[in-house]
């Protein structure tokens, strides 16, 4: 959707209806100027794939995925080239990704 939008620095996606979506891979891939993204309103109950969703976003320092559920199967390069920052996430979801997040501050939510 926003693939390779290199001038995108921020975006409000709070009104996106994702309840019938099965995957959002590469949605923000290559948004090299993006500094933060709040996806806390995304309904992920029907989603299984997030491959490279925010990959190649080297300036990204804040990600809120606190609404994401645990049925996700692909996270291997979800954070590709996002070197450090702050992540808001549910503990059970974080358990699937802890080994790919180096130098990130993690904020757990209920």
C-alpha atoms as a PDB file:
ATOM      1  CA  UNK A   1       0.000   0.000   0.000  1.00  0.00           C
ATOM      2  CA  UNK A   2       2.762   2.456   0.953  1.00  0.00           C
ATOM      3  CA  UNK A   3       5.587   0.356  -0.485  1.00  0.00           C
ATOM      4  CA  UNK A   4       8.718   2.416  -1.137  1.00  0.00           C
ATOM      5  CA  UNK A   5       7.148   5.775  -0.153  1.00  0.00           C
ATOM      6  CA  UNK A   6      10.544   7.215   0.662  1.00  0.00           C
ATOM      7  CA  UNK A   7       9.275  10.678   1.636  1.00  0.00           C
ATOM      8  CA  UNK A   8       6.698   9.352   4.128  1.00  0.00           C
ATOM      9  CA  UNK A   9       7.767  10.419   7.639  1.00  0.00           C
ATOM     10  CA  UNK A  10       4.539   9.662   9.534  1.00  0.00           C
ATOM     11  CA  UNK A  11       1.036   8.452   8.826  1.00  0.00           C
ATOM     12  CA  UNK A  12      -2.228   8.096  10.723  1.00  0.00           C
ATOM     13  CA  UNK A  13      -3.670   4.632  10.122  1.00  0.00           C
ATOM     14  CA  UNK A  14      -6.000   4.628  13.140  1.00  0.00           C
ATOM     15  CA  UNK A  15      -9.121   4.440  10.947  1.00  0.00           C
ATOM     16  CA  UNK A  16      -7.963   1.576   8.735  1.00  0.00           C
ATOM     17  CA  UNK A  17     -10.373  -1.363   8.819  1.00  0.00           C
ATOM     18  CA  UNK A  18      -8.206  -4.484   8.787  1.00  0.00           C
ATOM     19  CA  UNK A  19     -10.743  -6.941  10.224  1.00  0.00           C
ATOM     20  CA  UNK A  20     -11.090  -8.875   6.947  1.00  0.00           C
ATOM     21  CA  UNK A  21      -7.458  -8.683   5.897  1.00  0.00           C
ATOM     22  CA  UNK A  22      -5.340 -11.845   5.887  1.00  0.00           C
ATOM     23  CA  UNK A  23      -1.924 -10.222   5.544  1.00  0.00           C
ATOM     24  CA  UNK A  24      -0.191  -6.877   5.287  1.00  0.00           C
ATOM     25  CA  UNK A  25       3.246  -7.870   4.072  1.00  0.00           C
ATOM     26  CA  UNK A  26       5.452  -5.083   2.700  1.00  0.00           C
ATOM     27  CA  UNK A  27       2.823  -2.459   3.624  1.00  0.00           C
ATOM     28  CA  UNK A  28       5.479   0.069   4.690  1.00  0.00           C
ATOM     29  CA  UNK A  29       8.542  -1.601   3.171  1.00  0.00           C
ATOM     30  CA  UNK A  30      11.107   0.890   1.908  1.00  0.00           C
ATOM     31  CA  UNK A  31       9.588   3.920   3.644  1.00  0.00           C
ATOM     32  CA  UNK A  32      13.096   5.078   4.433  1.00  0.00           C
ATOM     33  CA  UNK A  33      12.027   8.350   6.093  1.00  0.00           C
ATOM     34  CA  UNK A  34       9.342   6.831   8.329  1.00  0.00           C
ATOM     35  CA  UNK A  35      10.229   7.483  11.985  1.00  0.00           C
ATOM     36  CA  UNK A  36       7.235   6.068  13.871  1.00  0.00           C
ATOM     37  CA  UNK A  37       4.161   3.980  13.244  1.00  0.00           C
ATOM     38  CA  UNK A  38       1.200   3.266  15.515  1.00  0.00           C
ATOM     39  CA  UNK A  39      -0.618   0.132  14.404  1.00  0.00           C
ATOM     40  CA  UNK A  40      -2.410  -0.380  17.724  1.00  0.00           C
ATOM     41  CA  UNK A  41      -5.849  -0.141  16.092  1.00  0.00           C
ATOM     42  CA  UNK A  42      -5.144  -2.891  13.567  1.00  0.00           C
ATOM     43  CA  UNK A  43      -7.380  -5.944  13.937  1.00  0.00           C
ATOM     44  CA  UNK A  44      -5.066  -8.872  13.198  1.00  0.00           C
ATOM     45  CA  UNK A  45      -7.296 -11.810  14.167  1.00  0.00           C
ATOM     46  CA  UNK A  46      -7.520 -13.013  10.542  1.00  0.00           C
ATOM     47  CA  UNK A  47      -3.918 -12.252   9.607  1.00  0.00           C
ATOM     48  CA  UNK A  48      -1.072 -14.700   9.405  1.00  0.00           C
ATOM     49  CA  UNK A  49       1.572 -12.863   7.384  1.00  0.00           C
ATOM     50  CA  UNK A  50       3.551  -9.732   8.095  1.00  0.00           C
ATOM     51  CA  UNK A  51       6.589 -10.470   5.947  1.00  0.00           C
ATOM     52  CA  UNK A  52       8.737  -7.326   5.603  1.00  0.00           C
ATOM     53  CA  UNK A  53       5.852  -5.128   6.726  1.00  0.00           C
ATOM     54  CA  UNK A  54       8.180  -2.408   7.985  1.00  0.00           C
ATOM     55  CA  UNK A  55      11.380  -3.677   6.431  1.00  0.00           C
ATOM     56  CA  UNK A  56      13.995  -1.288   5.102  1.00  0.00           C
ATOM     57  CA  UNK A  57      12.825   1.580   7.316  1.00  0.00           C
ATOM     58  CA  UNK A  58      16.190   2.557   8.852  1.00  0.00           C
ATOM     59  CA  UNK A  59      14.888   5.720  10.584  1.00  0.00           C
ATOM     60  CA  UNK A  60      12.050   3.918  12.347  1.00  0.00           C
ATOM     61  CA  UNK A  61      12.380   4.367  16.114  1.00  0.00           C
ATOM     62  CA  UNK A  62       8.847   3.716  17.453  1.00  0.00           C
ATOM     63  CA  UNK A  63       6.421   0.912  16.600  1.00  0.00           C
ATOM     64  CA  UNK A  64       3.158   0.164  18.408  1.00  0.00           C
ATOM     65  CA  UNK A  65       1.802  -3.280  17.588  1.00  0.00           C
ATOM     66  CA  UNK A  66       0.084  -3.735  20.936  1.00  0.00           C
ATOM     67  CA  UNK A  67      -3.119  -5.064  19.339  1.00  0.00           C
ATOM     68  CA  UNK A  68      -1.415  -7.785  17.285  1.00  0.00           C
ATOM     69  CA  UNK A  69      -2.467 -11.344  18.093  1.00  0.00           C
ATOM     70  CA  UNK A  70      -0.365 -14.478  18.242  1.00  0.00           C
ATOM     71  CA  UNK A  71      -1.563 -16.231  15.074  1.00  0.00           C
ATOM     72  CA  UNK A  72       1.142 -14.547  12.989  1.00  0.00           C
ATOM     73  CA  UNK A  73       3.437 -17.016  11.263  1.00  0.00           C
ATOM     74  CA  UNK A  74       5.950 -14.831   9.418  1.00  0.00           C
ATOM     75  CA  UNK A  75       8.059 -12.295  11.283  1.00  0.00           C
ATOM     76  CA  UNK A  76      11.543 -13.143  10.087  1.00  0.00           C
ATOM     77  CA  UNK A  77      12.273  -9.816   8.427  1.00  0.00           C
ATOM     78  CA  UNK A  78       9.456  -7.746   9.921  1.00  0.00           C
ATOM     79  CA  UNK A  79      12.047  -5.332  11.359  1.00  0.00           C
ATOM     80  CA  UNK A  80      14.710  -5.624   8.661  1.00  0.00           C
ATOM     81  CA  UNK A  81      17.036  -2.606   8.882  1.00  0.00           C
ATOM     82  CA  UNK A  82      15.139  -1.063  11.783  1.00  0.00           C
ATOM     83  CA  UNK A  83      18.138  -0.991  14.088  1.00  0.00           C
ATOM     84  CA  UNK A  84      16.803   0.292  17.411  1.00  0.00           C
ATOM     85  CA  UNK A  85      13.812   1.976  18.909  1.00  0.00           C
ATOM     86  CA  UNK A  86      10.814   1.432  21.150  1.00  0.00           C
ATOM     87  CA  UNK A  87       8.234  -1.306  20.615  1.00  0.00           C
ATOM     88  CA  UNK A  88       4.816  -1.585  22.342  1.00  0.00           C
ATOM     89  CA  UNK A  89       3.697  -5.196  22.186  1.00  0.00           C
ATOM     90  CA  UNK A  90       1.803  -7.928  24.044  1.00  0.00           C
ATOM     91  CA  UNK A  91       4.113 -10.355  25.827  1.00  0.00           C
ATOM     92  CA  UNK A  92       2.741 -13.429  24.042  1.00  0.00           C
ATOM     93  CA  UNK A  93       3.342 -11.804  20.647  1.00  0.00           C
ATOM     94  CA  UNK A  94       6.828 -10.680  21.612  1.00  0.00           C
ATOM     95  CA  UNK A  95       7.781 -14.282  22.367  1.00  0.00           C
ATOM     96  CA  UNK A  96       7.678 -14.898  18.591  1.00  0.00           C
ATOM     97  CA  UNK A  97      10.092 -12.095  17.806  1.00  0.00           C
ATOM     98  CA  UNK A  98      12.491 -11.600  20.707  1.00  0.00           C
ATOM     99  CA  UNK A  99      15.457 -12.981  18.777  1.00  0.00           C
ATOM    100  CA  UNK A 100      15.124 -10.468  15.912  1.00  0.00           C
ATOM    101  CA  UNK A 101      14.979  -7.318  18.037  1.00  0.00           C
ATOM    102  CA  UNK A 102      18.427  -6.136  19.004  1.00  0.00           C
ATOM    103  CA  UNK A 103      18.802  -2.822  20.868  1.00  0.00           C
ATOM    104  CA  UNK A 104      15.052  -2.177  21.110  1.00  0.00           C
ATOM    105  CA  UNK A 105      13.261  -0.957  24.233  1.00  0.00           C
ATOM    106  CA  UNK A 106      10.225  -3.162  24.798  1.00  0.00           C
ATOM    107  CA  UNK A 107       7.044  -1.914  26.492  1.00  0.00           C
ATOM    108  CA  UNK A 108       4.684  -4.759  27.340  1.00  0.00           C
ATOM    109  CA  UNK A 109       0.927  -4.131  27.366  1.00  0.00           C
ATOM    110  CA  UNK A 110      -1.973  -6.271  28.590  1.00  0.00           C
END
